[in-house]
Amino acid sequence: MTLDPKEPPEFGEIMFSLPVAPVSQQAGSAAKQKLVAEVRRIASPLEYILDGEVQIEIQWLIHERLRWETDASPDVDNILKPLLDGLCGRNGILIDDCQVQSITAFWCD
C-alpha cells in the first residue's frame, strides 16, 4: 500500500515494518527510548496525526526457538507500551494511547 504522507487513509490501514527487536516494558530506559525513536523515525514521513479511535495489530516475526527455549525475548504483552509510546505524542501519529480501541498482538515463526 502506498501512503499519502499528507492525508491519512479514510477507511484503511497504515502499515509499518520495524527492523528492530521488540523491547519489554521492563527494559531499561535507553532500550525503550531507542525503540520509540525508531518507531517515530519510520512514522515521520506522515505529516498528519490521527485524532479518532484506532485499532492496532502487531505481528512479531521471531523464530520459535527464541520464544520457547530461551528467556531472551520479552512476552508479547510486555512489548505493547513501548510501541504505543512511539506512536503517541508530539512526533507520533496518535495524540494519546487512549485512542486505541483494540490491540491484537501475536508472534509467528
PDB file of N, CA and C in Angstrom:
ATOM      1  N   MET A   1       0.833  -1.159   0.000  1.00  0.00           N
ATOM      2  CA  MET A   1       0.000   0.000   0.000  1.00  0.00           C
ATOM      3  C   MET A   1       0.888   1.236   0.000  1.00  0.00           C
ATOM      4  N   THR A   2       0.573   2.167  -0.863  1.00  0.00           N
ATOM      5  CA  THR A   2       1.297   3.422  -0.918  1.00  0.00           C
ATOM      6  C   THR A   2       0.533   4.442  -0.092  1.00  0.00           C
ATOM      7  N   LEU A   3       1.213   5.042   0.855  1.00  0.00           N
ATOM      8  CA  LEU A   3       0.582   6.029   1.715  1.00  0.00           C
ATOM      9  C   LEU A   3       0.848   7.427   1.215  1.00  0.00           C
ATOM     10  N   ASP A   4      -0.178   8.266   1.281  1.00  0.00           N
ATOM     11  CA  ASP A   4      -0.011   9.685   1.019  1.00  0.00           C
ATOM     12  C   ASP A   4       0.487  10.308   2.319  1.00  0.00           C
ATOM     13  N   PRO A   5       1.680  10.889   2.329  1.00  0.00           N
ATOM     14  CA  PRO A   5       2.205  11.430   3.582  1.00  0.00           C
ATOM     15  C   PRO A   5       1.418  12.628   4.113  1.00  0.00           C
ATOM     16  N   LYS A   6       0.572  13.229   3.261  1.00  0.00           N
ATOM     17  CA  LYS A   6      -0.165  14.413   3.684  1.00  0.00           C
ATOM     18  C   LYS A   6      -1.585  14.109   4.141  1.00  0.00           C
ATOM     19  N   GLU A   7      -2.158  12.992   3.719  1.00  0.00           N
ATOM     20  CA  GLU A   7      -3.547  12.651   4.038  1.00  0.00           C
ATOM     21  C   GLU A   7      -3.647  11.216   4.543  1.00  0.00           C
ATOM     22  N   PRO A   8      -4.278  11.004   5.691  1.00  0.00           N
ATOM     23  CA  PRO A   8      -4.457   9.627   6.180  1.00  0.00           C
ATOM     24  C   PRO A   8      -5.488   8.899   5.325  1.00  0.00           C
ATOM     25  N   PRO A   9      -5.412   7.573   5.264  1.00  0.00           N
ATOM     26  CA  PRO A   9      -6.432   6.836   4.524  1.00  0.00           C
ATOM     27  C   PRO A   9      -7.783   6.984   5.222  1.00  0.00           C
ATOM     28  N   GLU A  10      -8.831   7.241   4.442  1.00  0.00           N
ATOM     29  CA  GLU A  10     -10.146   7.476   5.039  1.00  0.00           C
ATOM     30  C   GLU A  10     -10.678   6.224   5.736  1.00  0.00           C
ATOM     31  N   PHE A  11     -10.629   5.104   5.059  1.00  0.00           N
ATOM     32  CA  PHE A  11     -11.087   3.839   5.633  1.00  0.00           C
ATOM     33  C   PHE A  11     -10.051   2.788   5.287  1.00  0.00           C
ATOM     34  N   GLY A  12      -8.974   2.789   5.942  1.00  0.00           N
ATOM     35  CA  GLY A  12      -7.929   1.865   5.557  1.00  0.00           C
ATOM     36  C   GLY A  12      -6.989   1.578   6.677  1.00  0.00           C
ATOM     37  N   GLU A  13      -5.806   1.263   6.269  1.00  0.00           N
ATOM     38  CA  GLU A  13      -4.803   0.902   7.259  1.00  0.00           C
ATOM     39  C   GLU A  13      -3.488   1.579   6.942  1.00  0.00           C
ATOM     40  N   ILE A  14      -2.722   1.736   7.974  1.00  0.00           N
ATOM     41  CA  ILE A  14      -1.364   2.220   7.863  1.00  0.00           C
ATOM     42  C   ILE A  14      -0.488   1.091   8.367  1.00  0.00           C
ATOM     43  N   MET A  15       0.460   0.679   7.563  1.00  0.00           N
ATOM     44  CA  MET A  15       1.304  -0.456   7.935  1.00  0.00           C
ATOM     45  C   MET A  15       2.750  -0.006   8.041  1.00  0.00           C
ATOM     46  N   PHE A  16       3.379  -0.383   9.158  1.00  0.00           N
ATOM     47  CA  PHE A  16       4.782  -0.108   9.386  1.00  0.00           C
ATOM     48  C   PHE A  16       5.508  -1.426   9.590  1.00  0.00           C
ATOM     49  N   SER A  17       6.749  -1.460   9.186  1.00  0.00           N
ATOM     50  CA  SER A  17       7.616  -2.590   9.461  1.00  0.00           C
ATOM     51  C   SER A  17       8.814  -2.054  10.230  1.00  0.00           C
ATOM     52  N   LEU A  18       9.004  -2.573  11.438  1.00  0.00           N
ATOM     53  CA  LEU A  18      10.115  -2.126  12.266  1.00  0.00           C
ATOM     54  C   LEU A  18      11.246  -3.140  12.193  1.00  0.00           C
ATOM     55  N   PRO A  19      12.404  -2.741  11.728  1.00  0.00           N
ATOM     56  CA  PRO A  19      13.531  -3.670  11.607  1.00  0.00           C
ATOM     57  C   PRO A  19      14.336  -3.791  12.908  1.00  0.00           C
ATOM     58  N   VAL A  20      13.640  -3.729  14.034  1.00  0.00           N
ATOM     59  CA  VAL A  20      14.291  -3.842  15.342  1.00  0.00           C
ATOM     60  C   VAL A  20      13.514  -4.840  16.197  1.00  0.00           C
ATOM     61  N   ALA A  21      14.202  -5.405  17.156  1.00  0.00           N
ATOM     62  CA  ALA A  21      13.557  -6.343  18.073  1.00  0.00           C
ATOM     63  C   ALA A  21      12.650  -5.585  19.037  1.00  0.00           C
ATOM     64  N   PRO A  22      11.550  -6.214  19.440  1.00  0.00           N
ATOM     65  CA  PRO A  22      10.684  -5.586  20.437  1.00  0.00           C
ATOM     66  C   PRO A  22      11.431  -5.375  21.753  1.00  0.00           C
ATOM     67  N   VAL A  23      10.962  -4.409  22.508  1.00  0.00           N
ATOM     68  CA  VAL A  23      11.555  -4.087  23.798  1.00  0.00           C
ATOM     69  C   VAL A  23      10.467  -4.221  24.853  1.00  0.00           C
ATOM     70  N   SER A  24      10.799  -4.859  25.940  1.00  0.00           N
ATOM     71  CA  SER A  24       9.853  -5.048  27.025  1.00  0.00           C
ATOM     72  C   SER A  24       9.657  -3.762  27.816  1.00  0.00           C
ATOM     73  N   GLN A  25       8.506  -3.618  28.401  1.00  0.00           N
ATOM     74  CA  GLN A  25       8.231  -2.503  29.291  1.00  0.00           C
ATOM     75  C   GLN A  25       9.202  -2.500  30.476  1.00  0.00           C
ATOM     76  N   GLN A  26       9.708  -3.667  30.852  1.00  0.00           N
ATOM     77  CA  GLN A  26      10.639  -3.776  31.970  1.00  0.00           C
ATOM     78  C   GLN A  26      12.088  -3.473  31.581  1.00  0.00           C
ATOM     79  N   ALA A  27      12.335  -3.231  30.304  1.00  0.00           N
ATOM     80  CA  ALA A  27      13.704  -2.938  29.843  1.00  0.00           C
ATOM     81  C   ALA A  27      14.154  -1.584  30.376  1.00  0.00           C
ATOM     82  N   GLY A  28      15.430  -1.345  30.294  1.00  0.00           N
ATOM     83  CA  GLY A  28      15.979  -0.066  30.717  1.00  0.00           C
ATOM     84  C   GLY A  28      15.492   1.073  29.839  1.00  0.00           C
ATOM     85  N   SER A  29      15.587   2.278  30.355  1.00  0.00           N
ATOM     86  CA  SER A  29      15.065   3.431  29.622  1.00  0.00           C
ATOM     87  C   SER A  29      15.791   3.665  28.305  1.00  0.00           C
ATOM     88  N   ALA A  30      17.080   3.358  28.228  1.00  0.00           N
ATOM     89  CA  ALA A  30      17.822   3.565  26.976  1.00  0.00           C
ATOM     90  C   ALA A  30      17.280   2.661  25.874  1.00  0.00           C
ATOM     91  N   ALA A  31      17.004   1.411  26.193  1.00  0.00           N
ATOM     92  CA  ALA A  31      16.462   0.473  25.200  1.00  0.00           C
ATOM     93  C   ALA A  31      15.074   0.913  24.751  1.00  0.00           C
ATOM     94  N   LYS A  32      14.248   1.347  25.689  1.00  0.00           N
ATOM     95  CA  LYS A  32      12.902   1.804  25.330  1.00  0.00           C
ATOM     96  C   LYS A  32      12.966   3.059  24.474  1.00  0.00           C
ATOM     97  N   GLN A  33      13.855   4.001  24.813  1.00  0.00           N
ATOM     98  CA  GLN A  33      13.979   5.226  24.038  1.00  0.00           C
ATOM     99  C   GLN A  33      14.481   4.953  22.620  1.00  0.00           C
ATOM    100  N   LYS A  34      15.347   3.965  22.480  1.00  0.00           N
ATOM    101  CA  LYS A  34      15.834   3.586  21.149  1.00  0.00           C
ATOM    102  C   LYS A  34      14.686   3.067  20.293  1.00  0.00           C
ATOM    103  N   LEU A  35      13.812   2.241  20.872  1.00  0.00           N
ATOM    104  CA  LEU A  35      12.661   1.719  20.140  1.00  0.00           C
ATOM    105  C   LEU A  35      11.693   2.846  19.790  1.00  0.00           C
ATOM    106  N   VAL A  36      11.394   3.717  20.744  1.00  0.00           N
ATOM    107  CA  VAL A  36      10.497   4.845  20.498  1.00  0.00           C
ATOM    108  C   VAL A  36      11.045   5.701  19.356  1.00  0.00           C
ATOM    109  N   ALA A  37      12.333   5.964  19.363  1.00  0.00           N
ATOM    110  CA  ALA A  37      12.951   6.763  18.295  1.00  0.00           C
ATOM    111  C   ALA A  37      12.817   6.080  16.936  1.00  0.00           C
ATOM    112  N   GLU A  38      12.960   4.769  16.902  1.00  0.00           N
ATOM    113  CA  GLU A  38      12.830   4.038  15.630  1.00  0.00           C
ATOM    114  C   GLU A  38      11.391   4.069  15.118  1.00  0.00           C
ATOM    115  N   VAL A  39      10.424   3.898  16.008  1.00  0.00           N
ATOM    116  CA  VAL A  39       9.013   3.981  15.602  1.00  0.00           C
ATOM    117  C   VAL A  39       8.732   5.365  15.030  1.00  0.00           C
ATOM    118  N   ARG A  40       9.195   6.382  15.701  1.00  0.00           N
ATOM    119  CA  ARG A  40       8.947   7.754  15.238  1.00  0.00           C
ATOM    120  C   ARG A  40       9.689   8.064  13.945  1.00  0.00           C
ATOM    121  N   ARG A  41      10.863   7.492  13.766  1.00  0.00           N
ATOM    122  CA  ARG A  41      11.607   7.701  12.511  1.00  0.00           C
ATOM    123  C   ARG A  41      10.827   7.121  11.338  1.00  0.00           C
ATOM    124  N   ILE A  42      10.258   5.955  11.531  1.00  0.00           N
ATOM    125  CA  ILE A  42       9.515   5.304  10.451  1.00  0.00           C
ATOM    126  C   ILE A  42       8.198   6.024  10.176  1.00  0.00           C
ATOM    127  N   ALA A  43       7.576   6.548  11.215  1.00  0.00           N
ATOM    128  CA  ALA A  43       6.302   7.256  11.038  1.00  0.00           C
ATOM    129  C   ALA A  43       6.498   8.709  10.609  1.00  0.00           C
ATOM    130  N   SER A  44       7.715   9.221  10.696  1.00  0.00           N
ATOM    131  CA  SER A  44       7.957  10.648  10.454  1.00  0.00           C
ATOM    132  C   SER A  44       7.582  11.153   9.053  1.00  0.00           C
ATOM    133  N   PRO A  45       7.628  10.342   8.002  1.00  0.00           N
ATOM    134  CA  PRO A  45       7.201  10.883   6.708  1.00  0.00           C
ATOM    135  C   PRO A  45       5.718  11.283   6.671  1.00  0.00           C
ATOM    136  N   LEU A  46       4.920  10.736   7.584  1.00  0.00           N
ATOM    137  CA  LEU A  46       3.500  11.083   7.615  1.00  0.00           C
ATOM    138  C   LEU A  46       3.344  12.450   8.268  1.00  0.00           C
ATOM    139  N   GLU A  47       2.657  13.339   7.575  1.00  0.00           N
ATOM    140  CA  GLU A  47       2.545  14.728   8.026  1.00  0.00           C
ATOM    141  C   GLU A  47       1.218  14.983   8.730  1.00  0.00           C
ATOM    142  N   TYR A  48       0.588  13.961   9.249  1.00  0.00           N
ATOM    143  CA  TYR A  48      -0.696  14.119   9.914  1.00  0.00           C
ATOM    144  C   TYR A  48      -0.690  13.351  11.226  1.00  0.00           C
ATOM    145  N   ILE A  49      -1.709  13.627  12.008  1.00  0.00           N
ATOM    146  CA  ILE A  49      -1.905  12.916  13.255  1.00  0.00           C
ATOM    147  C   ILE A  49      -3.337  12.394  13.254  1.00  0.00           C
ATOM    148  N   LEU A  50      -3.508  11.180  13.689  1.00  0.00           N
ATOM    149  CA  LEU A  50      -4.839  10.573  13.730  1.00  0.00           C
ATOM    150  C   LEU A  50      -5.536  11.046  14.999  1.00  0.00           C
ATOM    151  N   ASP A  51      -6.792  11.479  14.858  1.00  0.00           N
ATOM    152  CA  ASP A  51      -7.489  12.015  16.021  1.00  0.00           C
ATOM    153  C   ASP A  51      -8.697  11.197  16.452  1.00  0.00           C
ATOM    154  N   GLY A  52      -8.947  10.085  15.797  1.00  0.00           N
ATOM    155  CA  GLY A  52     -10.075   9.234  16.168  1.00  0.00           C
ATOM    156  C   GLY A  52      -9.606   7.941  16.803  1.00  0.00           C
ATOM    157  N   GLU A  53     -10.549   7.030  16.969  1.00  0.00           N
ATOM    158  CA  GLU A  53     -10.211   5.719  17.521  1.00  0.00           C
ATOM    159  C   GLU A  53      -9.447   4.899  16.496  1.00  0.00           C
ATOM    160  N   VAL A  54      -8.525   4.086  16.982  1.00  0.00           N
ATOM    161  CA  VAL A  54      -7.733   3.228  16.108  1.00  0.00           C
ATOM    162  C   VAL A  54      -7.696   1.813  16.674  1.00  0.00           C
ATOM    163  N   GLN A  55      -7.444   0.887  15.785  1.00  0.00           N
ATOM    164  CA  GLN A  55      -7.173  -0.493  16.156  1.00  0.00           C
ATOM    165  C   GLN A  55      -5.746  -0.792  15.719  1.00  0.00           C
ATOM    166  N   ILE A  56      -5.031  -1.521  16.546  1.00  0.00           N
ATOM    167  CA  ILE A  56      -3.628  -1.811  16.249  1.00  0.00           C
ATOM    168  C   ILE A  56      -3.440  -3.316  16.190  1.00  0.00           C
ATOM    169  N   GLU A  57      -2.705  -3.751  15.175  1.00  0.00           N
ATOM    170  CA  GLU A  57      -2.322  -5.159  15.073  1.00  0.00           C
ATOM    171  C   GLU A  57      -0.802  -5.226  15.028  1.00  0.00           C
ATOM    172  N   ILE A  58      -0.246  -6.026  15.909  1.00  0.00           N
ATOM    173  CA  ILE A  58       1.206  -6.201  15.971  1.00  0.00           C
ATOM    174  C   ILE A  58       1.512  -7.650  15.620  1.00  0.00           C
ATOM    175  N   GLN A  59       2.267  -7.831  14.560  1.00  0.00           N
ATOM    176  CA  GLN A  59       2.722  -9.165  14.162  1.00  0.00           C
ATOM    177  C   GLN A  59       4.228  -9.189  14.373  1.00  0.00           C
ATOM    178  N   TRP A  60       4.660 -10.042  15.251  1.00  0.00           N
ATOM    179  CA  TRP A  60       6.059 -10.130  15.638  1.00  0.00           C
ATOM    180  C   TRP A  60       6.642 -11.386  15.018  1.00  0.00           C
ATOM    181  N   LEU A  61       7.586 -11.224  14.100  1.00  0.00           N
ATOM    182  CA  LEU A  61       8.228 -12.354  13.434  1.00  0.00           C
ATOM    183  C   LEU A  61       9.469 -12.748  14.229  1.00  0.00           C
ATOM    184  N   ILE A  62       9.453 -13.952  14.755  1.00  0.00           N
ATOM    185  CA  ILE A  62      10.555 -14.426  15.581  1.00  0.00           C
ATOM    186  C   ILE A  62      10.635 -15.942  15.475  1.00  0.00           C
ATOM    187  N   HIS A  63      11.824 -16.466  15.490  1.00  0.00           N
ATOM    188  CA  HIS A  63      11.991 -17.919  15.439  1.00  0.00           C
ATOM    189  C   HIS A  63      11.463 -18.530  16.727  1.00  0.00           C
ATOM    190  N   GLU A  64      10.704 -19.598  16.587  1.00  0.00           N
ATOM    191  CA  GLU A  64      10.084 -20.195  17.773  1.00  0.00           C
ATOM    192  C   GLU A  64      11.103 -20.684  18.804  1.00  0.00           C
ATOM    193  N   ARG A  65      12.294 -21.022  18.381  1.00  0.00           N
ATOM    194  CA  ARG A  65      13.313 -21.470  19.330  1.00  0.00           C
ATOM    195  C   ARG A  65      13.626 -20.365  20.347  1.00  0.00           C
ATOM    196  N   LEU A  66      13.694 -19.112  19.871  1.00  0.00           N
ATOM    197  CA  LEU A  66      13.936 -17.995  20.788  1.00  0.00           C
ATOM    198  C   LEU A  66      12.779 -17.802  21.767  1.00  0.00           C
ATOM    199  N   ARG A  67      11.579 -18.087  21.316  1.00  0.00           N
ATOM    200  CA  ARG A  67      10.405 -17.921  22.179  1.00  0.00           C
ATOM    201  C   ARG A  67      10.295 -19.044  23.202  1.00  0.00           C
ATOM    202  N   TRP A  68      10.556 -20.255  22.779  1.00  0.00           N
ATOM    203  CA  TRP A  68      10.313 -21.415  23.640  1.00  0.00           C
ATOM    204  C   TRP A  68      11.523 -21.851  24.460  1.00  0.00           C
ATOM    205  N   GLU A  69      12.722 -21.688  23.931  1.00  0.00           N
ATOM    206  CA  GLU A  69      13.891 -22.285  24.566  1.00  0.00           C
ATOM    207  C   GLU A  69      14.798 -21.296  25.288  1.00  0.00           C
ATOM    208  N   THR A  70      14.482 -20.008  25.221  1.00  0.00           N
ATOM    209  CA  THR A  70      15.300 -19.022  25.938  1.00  0.00           C
ATOM    210  C   THR A  70      14.373 -18.006  26.604  1.00  0.00           C
ATOM    211  N   ASP A  71      14.950 -17.225  27.467  1.00  0.00           N
ATOM    212  CA  ASP A  71      14.196 -16.107  28.035  1.00  0.00           C
ATOM    213  C   ASP A  71      14.699 -14.783  27.462  1.00  0.00           C
ATOM    214  N   ALA A  72      15.323 -14.845  26.282  1.00  0.00           N
ATOM    215  CA  ALA A  72      15.933 -13.665  25.657  1.00  0.00           C
ATOM    216  C   ALA A  72      14.907 -12.712  25.056  1.00  0.00           C
ATOM    217  N   SER A  73      13.721 -13.191  24.742  1.00  0.00           N
ATOM    218  CA  SER A  73      12.727 -12.314  24.127  1.00  0.00           C
ATOM    219  C   SER A  73      11.599 -12.032  25.119  1.00  0.00           C
ATOM    220  N   PRO A  74      11.068 -10.816  25.100  1.00  0.00           N
ATOM    221  CA  PRO A  74      10.016 -10.455  26.054  1.00  0.00           C
ATOM    222  C   PRO A  74       8.689 -11.127  25.712  1.00  0.00           C
ATOM    223  N   ASP A  75       7.822 -11.192  26.699  1.00  0.00           N
ATOM    224  CA  ASP A  75       6.470 -11.696  26.465  1.00  0.00           C
ATOM    225  C   ASP A  75       5.712 -10.698  25.599  1.00  0.00           C
ATOM    226  N   VAL A  76       4.784 -11.215  24.822  1.00  0.00           N
ATOM    227  CA  VAL A  76       4.073 -10.373  23.865  1.00  0.00           C
ATOM    228  C   VAL A  76       3.296  -9.250  24.564  1.00  0.00           C
ATOM    229  N   ASP A  77       2.799  -9.477  25.765  1.00  0.00           N
ATOM    230  CA  ASP A  77       2.060  -8.420  26.457  1.00  0.00           C
ATOM    231  C   ASP A  77       2.963  -7.303  26.959  1.00  0.00           C
ATOM    232  N   ASN A  78       4.246  -7.581  27.137  1.00  0.00           N
ATOM    233  CA  ASN A  78       5.175  -6.576  27.648  1.00  0.00           C
ATOM    234  C   ASN A  78       5.756  -5.664  26.570  1.00  0.00           C
ATOM    235  N   ILE A  79       5.512  -5.972  25.297  1.00  0.00           N
ATOM    236  CA  ILE A  79       6.065  -5.137  24.224  1.00  0.00           C
ATOM    237  C   ILE A  79       5.110  -4.032  23.781  1.00  0.00           C
ATOM    238  N   LEU A  80       3.895  -4.046  24.292  1.00  0.00           N
ATOM    239  CA  LEU A  80       2.883  -3.104  23.809  1.00  0.00           C
ATOM    240  C   LEU A  80       3.164  -1.655  24.180  1.00  0.00           C
ATOM    241  N   LYS A  81       3.460  -1.378  25.437  1.00  0.00           N
ATOM    242  CA  LYS A  81       3.609   0.002  25.900  1.00  0.00           C
ATOM    243  C   LYS A  81       4.754   0.744  25.203  1.00  0.00           C
ATOM    244  N   PRO A  82       5.931   0.164  25.067  1.00  0.00           N
ATOM    245  CA  PRO A  82       6.972   0.901  24.338  1.00  0.00           C
ATOM    246  C   PRO A  82       6.594   1.216  22.890  1.00  0.00           C
ATOM    247  N   LEU A  83       5.882   0.307  22.231  1.00  0.00           N
ATOM    248  CA  LEU A  83       5.443   0.588  20.862  1.00  0.00           C
ATOM    249  C   LEU A  83       4.408   1.710  20.833  1.00  0.00           C
ATOM    250  N   LEU A  84       3.462   1.664  21.753  1.00  0.00           N
ATOM    251  CA  LEU A  84       2.456   2.725  21.824  1.00  0.00           C
ATOM    252  C   LEU A  84       3.099   4.078  22.133  1.00  0.00           C
ATOM    253  N   ASP A  85       4.090   4.074  23.005  1.00  0.00           N
ATOM    254  CA  ASP A  85       4.788   5.326  23.324  1.00  0.00           C
ATOM    255  C   ASP A  85       5.410   5.946  22.073  1.00  0.00           C
ATOM    256  N   GLY A  86       5.898   5.103  21.163  1.00  0.00           N
ATOM    257  CA  GLY A  86       6.480   5.607  19.927  1.00  0.00           C
ATOM    258  C   GLY A  86       5.451   6.174  18.965  1.00  0.00           C
ATOM    259  N   LEU A  87       4.230   5.668  19.032  1.00  0.00           N
ATOM    260  CA  LEU A  87       3.174   6.134  18.131  1.00  0.00           C
ATOM    261  C   LEU A  87       2.486   7.406  18.617  1.00  0.00           C
ATOM    262  N   CYS A  88       2.627   7.711  19.900  1.00  0.00           N
ATOM    263  CA  CYS A  88       1.868   8.811  20.513  1.00  0.00           C
ATOM    264  C   CYS A  88       2.734  10.031  20.777  1.00  0.00           C
ATOM    265  N   GLY A  89       2.057  11.155  20.843  1.00  0.00           N
ATOM    266  CA  GLY A  89       2.723  12.377  21.260  1.00  0.00           C
ATOM    267  C   GLY A  89       3.181  13.255  20.120  1.00  0.00           C
ATOM    268  N   ARG A  90       4.020  14.178  20.466  1.00  0.00           N
ATOM    269  CA  ARG A  90       4.442  15.238  19.551  1.00  0.00           C
ATOM    270  C   ARG A  90       4.990  14.726  18.217  1.00  0.00           C
ATOM    271  N   ASN A  91       5.792  13.694  18.221  1.00  0.00           N
ATOM    272  CA  ASN A  91       6.391  13.190  16.986  1.00  0.00           C
ATOM    273  C   ASN A  91       5.777  11.880  16.525  1.00  0.00           C
ATOM    274  N   GLY A  92       4.639  11.517  17.071  1.00  0.00           N
ATOM    275  CA  GLY A  92       3.972  10.284  16.677  1.00  0.00           C
ATOM    276  C   GLY A  92       2.828  10.555  15.721  1.00  0.00           C
ATOM    277  N   ILE A  93       1.986   9.555  15.531  1.00  0.00           N
ATOM    278  CA  ILE A  93       0.816   9.727  14.659  1.00  0.00           C
ATOM    279  C   ILE A  93      -0.490   9.647  15.440  1.00  0.00           C
ATOM    280  N   LEU A  94      -0.407   9.432  16.751  1.00  0.00           N
ATOM    281  CA  LEU A  94      -1.583   9.456  17.615  1.00  0.00           C
ATOM    282  C   LEU A  94      -1.413  10.563  18.647  1.00  0.00           C
ATOM    283  N   ILE A  95      -2.516  11.110  19.098  1.00  0.00           N
ATOM    284  CA  ILE A  95      -2.467  12.122  20.146  1.00  0.00           C
ATOM    285  C   ILE A  95      -2.111  11.452  21.466  1.00  0.00           C
ATOM    286  N   ASP A  96      -2.813  10.367  21.774  1.00  0.00           N
ATOM    287  CA  ASP A  96      -2.634   9.679  23.045  1.00  0.00           C
ATOM    288  C   ASP A  96      -3.051   8.226  22.875  1.00  0.00           C
ATOM    289  N   ASP A  97      -2.508   7.351  23.713  1.00  0.00           N
ATOM    290  CA  ASP A  97      -2.871   5.938  23.576  1.00  0.00           C
ATOM    291  C   ASP A  97      -4.299   5.634  24.029  1.00  0.00           C
ATOM    292  N   CYS A  98      -5.013   6.617  24.574  1.00  0.00           N
ATOM    293  CA  CYS A  98      -6.425   6.404  24.887  1.00  0.00           C
ATOM    294  C   CYS A  98      -7.255   6.273  23.602  1.00  0.00           C
ATOM    295  N   GLN A  99      -6.704   6.636  22.457  1.00  0.00           N
ATOM    296  CA  GLN A  99      -7.388   6.474  21.175  1.00  0.00           C
ATOM    297  C   GLN A  99      -7.445   5.017  20.732  1.00  0.00           C
ATOM    298  N   VAL A 100      -6.622   4.167  21.318  1.00  0.00           N
ATOM    299  CA  VAL A 100      -6.536   2.772  20.900  1.00  0.00           C
ATOM    300  C   VAL A 100      -7.747   2.021  21.430  1.00  0.00           C
ATOM    301  N   GLN A 101      -8.601   1.608  20.500  1.00  0.00           N
ATOM    302  CA  GLN A 101      -9.819   0.885  20.847  1.00  0.00           C
ATOM    303  C   GLN A 101      -9.529  -0.589  21.092  1.00  0.00           C
ATOM    304  N   SER A 102      -8.611  -1.148  20.307  1.00  0.00           N
ATOM    305  CA  SER A 102      -8.245  -2.553  20.496  1.00  0.00           C
ATOM    306  C   SER A 102      -6.841  -2.798  19.965  1.00  0.00           C
ATOM    307  N   ILE A 103      -6.222  -3.829  20.538  1.00  0.00           N
ATOM    308  CA  ILE A 103      -4.890  -4.250  20.104  1.00  0.00           C
ATOM    309  C   ILE A 103      -4.917  -5.758  19.920  1.00  0.00           C
ATOM    310  N   THR A 104      -4.408  -6.196  18.797  1.00  0.00           N
ATOM    311  CA  THR A 104      -4.163  -7.607  18.561  1.00  0.00           C
ATOM    312  C   THR A 104      -2.653  -7.757  18.445  1.00  0.00           C
ATOM    313  N   ALA A 105      -2.081  -8.604  19.261  1.00  0.00           N
ATOM    314  CA  ALA A 105      -0.638  -8.797  19.237  1.00  0.00           C
ATOM    315  C   ALA A 105      -0.347 -10.297  19.239  1.00  0.00           C
ATOM    316  N   PHE A 106       0.508 -10.714  18.301  1.00  0.00           N
ATOM    317  CA  PHE A 106       0.845 -12.123  18.230  1.00  0.00           C
ATOM    318  C   PHE A 106       2.232 -12.274  17.637  1.00  0.00           C
ATOM    319  N   TRP A 107       2.847 -13.396  17.914  1.00  0.00           N
ATOM    320  CA  TRP A 107       4.133 -13.707  17.310  1.00  0.00           C
ATOM    321  C   TRP A 107       3.939 -14.907  16.397  1.00  0.00           C
ATOM    322  N   CYS A 108       4.746 -14.977  15.363  1.00  0.00           N
ATOM    323  CA  CYS A 108       4.702 -16.119  14.478  1.00  0.00           C
ATOM    324  C   CYS A 108       6.115 -16.446  14.017  1.00  0.00           C
ATOM    325  N   ASP A 109       6.325 -17.717  13.748  1.00  0.00           N
ATOM    326  CA  ASP A 109       7.623 -18.259  13.370  1.00  0.00           C
ATOM    327  C   ASP A 109       7.833 -18.032  11.888  1.00  0.00           C
TER     328      ASP A 109
END
